[in-house]
C-alpha cells in the first residue's frame, strides 16, 4: 500500500495491477472499469449521496475496492459457478465503512451518529 491511498486518490489501475501481481499493462482499461464498478457498488451499498472523494480518504474503502476487483478479475467468466456472490471479507469491510462514514458525516453536520 502506498501513501496515495492515505492522500485520498483511491485505487488506480497501476496500484491494482501491483496488488493482483500482474506483469503486463495490457489490462489497464479493464482494471480501470473494474475499479469504477467496484467503487460504485460499494458506494451504492452504503450511501450514494456522499462524494466518492470522501470515500477514497478511507483506507478500508480502498481495500474493499481492491478485494472486489480481485474477485471480479479472477472470477471473470465463472461467476455462474460461484457459490458466494462476494468474498466474506468484503461484507465485513462494507459494514465497517458504513458505520464510519455515517458517524463521520453526522459529526460534520452536527447530527446524531446513528
Protein backbone atom coordinates (compact mmCIF):
# COMPACT_ATOMS: atom_id res chain seq x y z
CA UNK A 1 0.00 0.00 0.00
CA UNK A 2 1.31 3.40 -0.94
CA UNK A 3 0.83 6.86 0.51
CA UNK A 4 -1.59 7.61 -2.36
CA UNK A 5 -4.33 5.71 -0.54
CA UNK A 6 -3.89 7.88 2.53
CA UNK A 7 -3.97 11.01 0.37
CA UNK A 8 -7.44 10.06 -0.91
CA UNK A 9 -6.61 9.35 -4.53
CA UNK A 10 -8.16 5.91 -4.38
CA UNK A 11 -7.16 2.80 -6.25
CA UNK A 12 -5.59 3.25 -9.69
CA UNK A 13 -5.09 0.67 -12.46
CA UNK A 14 -1.36 0.69 -11.68
CA UNK A 15 -2.00 0.08 -7.99
CA UNK A 16 -4.42 -2.77 -8.65
CA UNK A 17 -2.03 -4.25 -11.21
CA UNK A 18 0.58 -4.48 -8.48
CA UNK A 19 -2.00 -5.80 -5.98
CA UNK A 20 -3.06 -8.54 -8.42
CA UNK A 21 0.59 -9.28 -9.23
CA UNK A 22 0.07 -8.78 -12.97
CA UNK A 23 3.12 -8.48 -15.20
CA UNK A 24 1.75 -6.55 -18.18
CA UNK A 25 -0.08 -3.27 -18.73
CA UNK A 26 -2.46 -4.87 -21.23
CA UNK A 27 -5.41 -4.93 -18.84
CA UNK A 28 -5.24 -1.29 -17.71
CA UNK A 29 -8.57 -0.33 -19.28
CA UNK A 30 -10.22 -3.49 -17.93
CA UNK A 31 -8.85 -2.74 -14.47
CA UNK A 32 -10.00 0.89 -14.64
CA UNK A 33 -13.51 -0.28 -15.48
CA UNK A 34 -13.48 -2.79 -12.65
CA UNK A 35 -12.26 -0.16 -10.19
CA UNK A 36 -15.08 2.15 -11.22
CA UNK A 37 -17.63 -0.67 -10.93
CA UNK A 38 -16.30 -1.67 -7.52
CA UNK A 39 -16.43 1.91 -6.23
CA UNK A 40 -20.00 2.32 -7.49
CA UNK A 41 -21.07 -0.99 -5.94
CA UNK A 42 -19.58 -0.14 -2.56
CA UNK A 43 -20.94 3.40 -2.51
CA UNK A 44 -24.34 2.14 -3.63
CA UNK A 45 -24.36 -0.33 -0.74
CA UNK A 46 -23.53 2.40 1.78
CA UNK A 47 -24.73 5.90 0.82
CA UNK A 48 -24.64 7.23 -2.72
CA UNK A 49 -25.23 10.82 -1.60
CA UNK A 50 -21.64 11.04 -0.34
CA UNK A 51 -18.95 12.01 -2.86
CA UNK A 52 -16.53 9.31 -3.97
CA UNK A 53 -13.64 11.58 -2.91
CA UNK A 54 -14.71 11.29 0.71
CA UNK A 55 -14.86 7.52 0.47
CA UNK A 56 -11.39 7.40 -1.07
CA UNK A 57 -9.97 9.01 2.08
CA UNK A 58 -10.78 5.81 3.99
CA UNK A 59 -8.09 3.11 3.63
CA UNK A 60 -10.73 0.45 4.31
CA UNK A 61 -12.78 1.68 1.33
CA UNK A 62 -9.74 1.36 -0.91
CA UNK A 63 -9.08 -2.13 0.42
CA UNK A 64 -12.70 -3.11 -0.26
CA UNK A 65 -12.25 -1.84 -3.82
CA UNK A 66 -9.12 -3.96 -4.22
CA UNK A 67 -10.84 -7.06 -2.78
CA UNK A 68 -13.84 -6.66 -5.07
CA UNK A 69 -11.68 -6.00 -8.16
CA UNK A 70 -9.57 -9.05 -7.27
CA UNK A 71 -12.73 -11.15 -7.00
CA UNK A 72 -14.15 -9.82 -10.28
CA UNK A 73 -10.85 -10.12 -12.16
CA UNK A 74 -10.10 -13.70 -11.21
CA UNK A 75 -13.75 -14.79 -11.46
CA UNK A 76 -14.37 -13.50 -14.98
CA UNK A 77 -16.44 -15.97 -16.90
CA UNK A 78 -17.04 -18.23 -13.90
CA UNK A 79 -19.45 -16.16 -11.82
CA UNK A 80 -22.34 -18.50 -12.59
CA UNK A 81 -20.38 -21.31 -10.92
CA UNK A 82 -19.71 -19.31 -7.74
CA UNK A 83 -21.32 -20.41 -4.51
CA UNK A 84 -20.77 -16.99 -2.89
CA UNK A 85 -21.52 -13.66 -4.51
CA UNK A 86 -18.69 -11.86 -2.72
CA UNK A 87 -15.66 -12.73 -0.61
CA UNK A 88 -16.57 -12.89 3.13
CA UNK A 89 -14.09 -10.13 3.99
CA UNK A 90 -15.90 -7.80 1.57
CA UNK A 91 -19.14 -7.86 3.60
CA UNK A 92 -17.17 -7.14 6.77
CA UNK A 93 -15.46 -4.16 5.13
CA UNK A 94 -18.74 -2.75 3.79
CA UNK A 95 -20.32 -2.83 7.26
CA UNK A 96 -17.26 -1.22 8.85
CA UNK A 97 -17.13 1.52 6.23
CA UNK A 98 -20.87 2.15 6.52
CA UNK A 99 -20.66 2.92 10.23
CA UNK A 100 -17.50 5.01 9.94
CA UNK A 101 -18.85 7.09 7.06
CA UNK A 102 -22.20 7.66 8.75
CA UNK A 103 -20.56 8.59 12.05
CA UNK A 104 -18.09 10.96 10.42
CA UNK A 105 -20.69 12.61 8.18
CA UNK A 106 -23.06 13.07 11.13
CA UNK A 107 -20.25 14.66 13.13
CA UNK A 108 -19.54 17.10 10.28
CA UNK A 109 -23.16 18.15 10.04
CA UNK A 110 -23.77 18.18 13.78
CA UNK A 111 -26.33 15.39 13.63
CA UNK A 112 -26.67 12.15 15.53
CA UNK A 113 -24.32 9.35 14.67
CA UNK A 114 -26.69 6.54 14.49
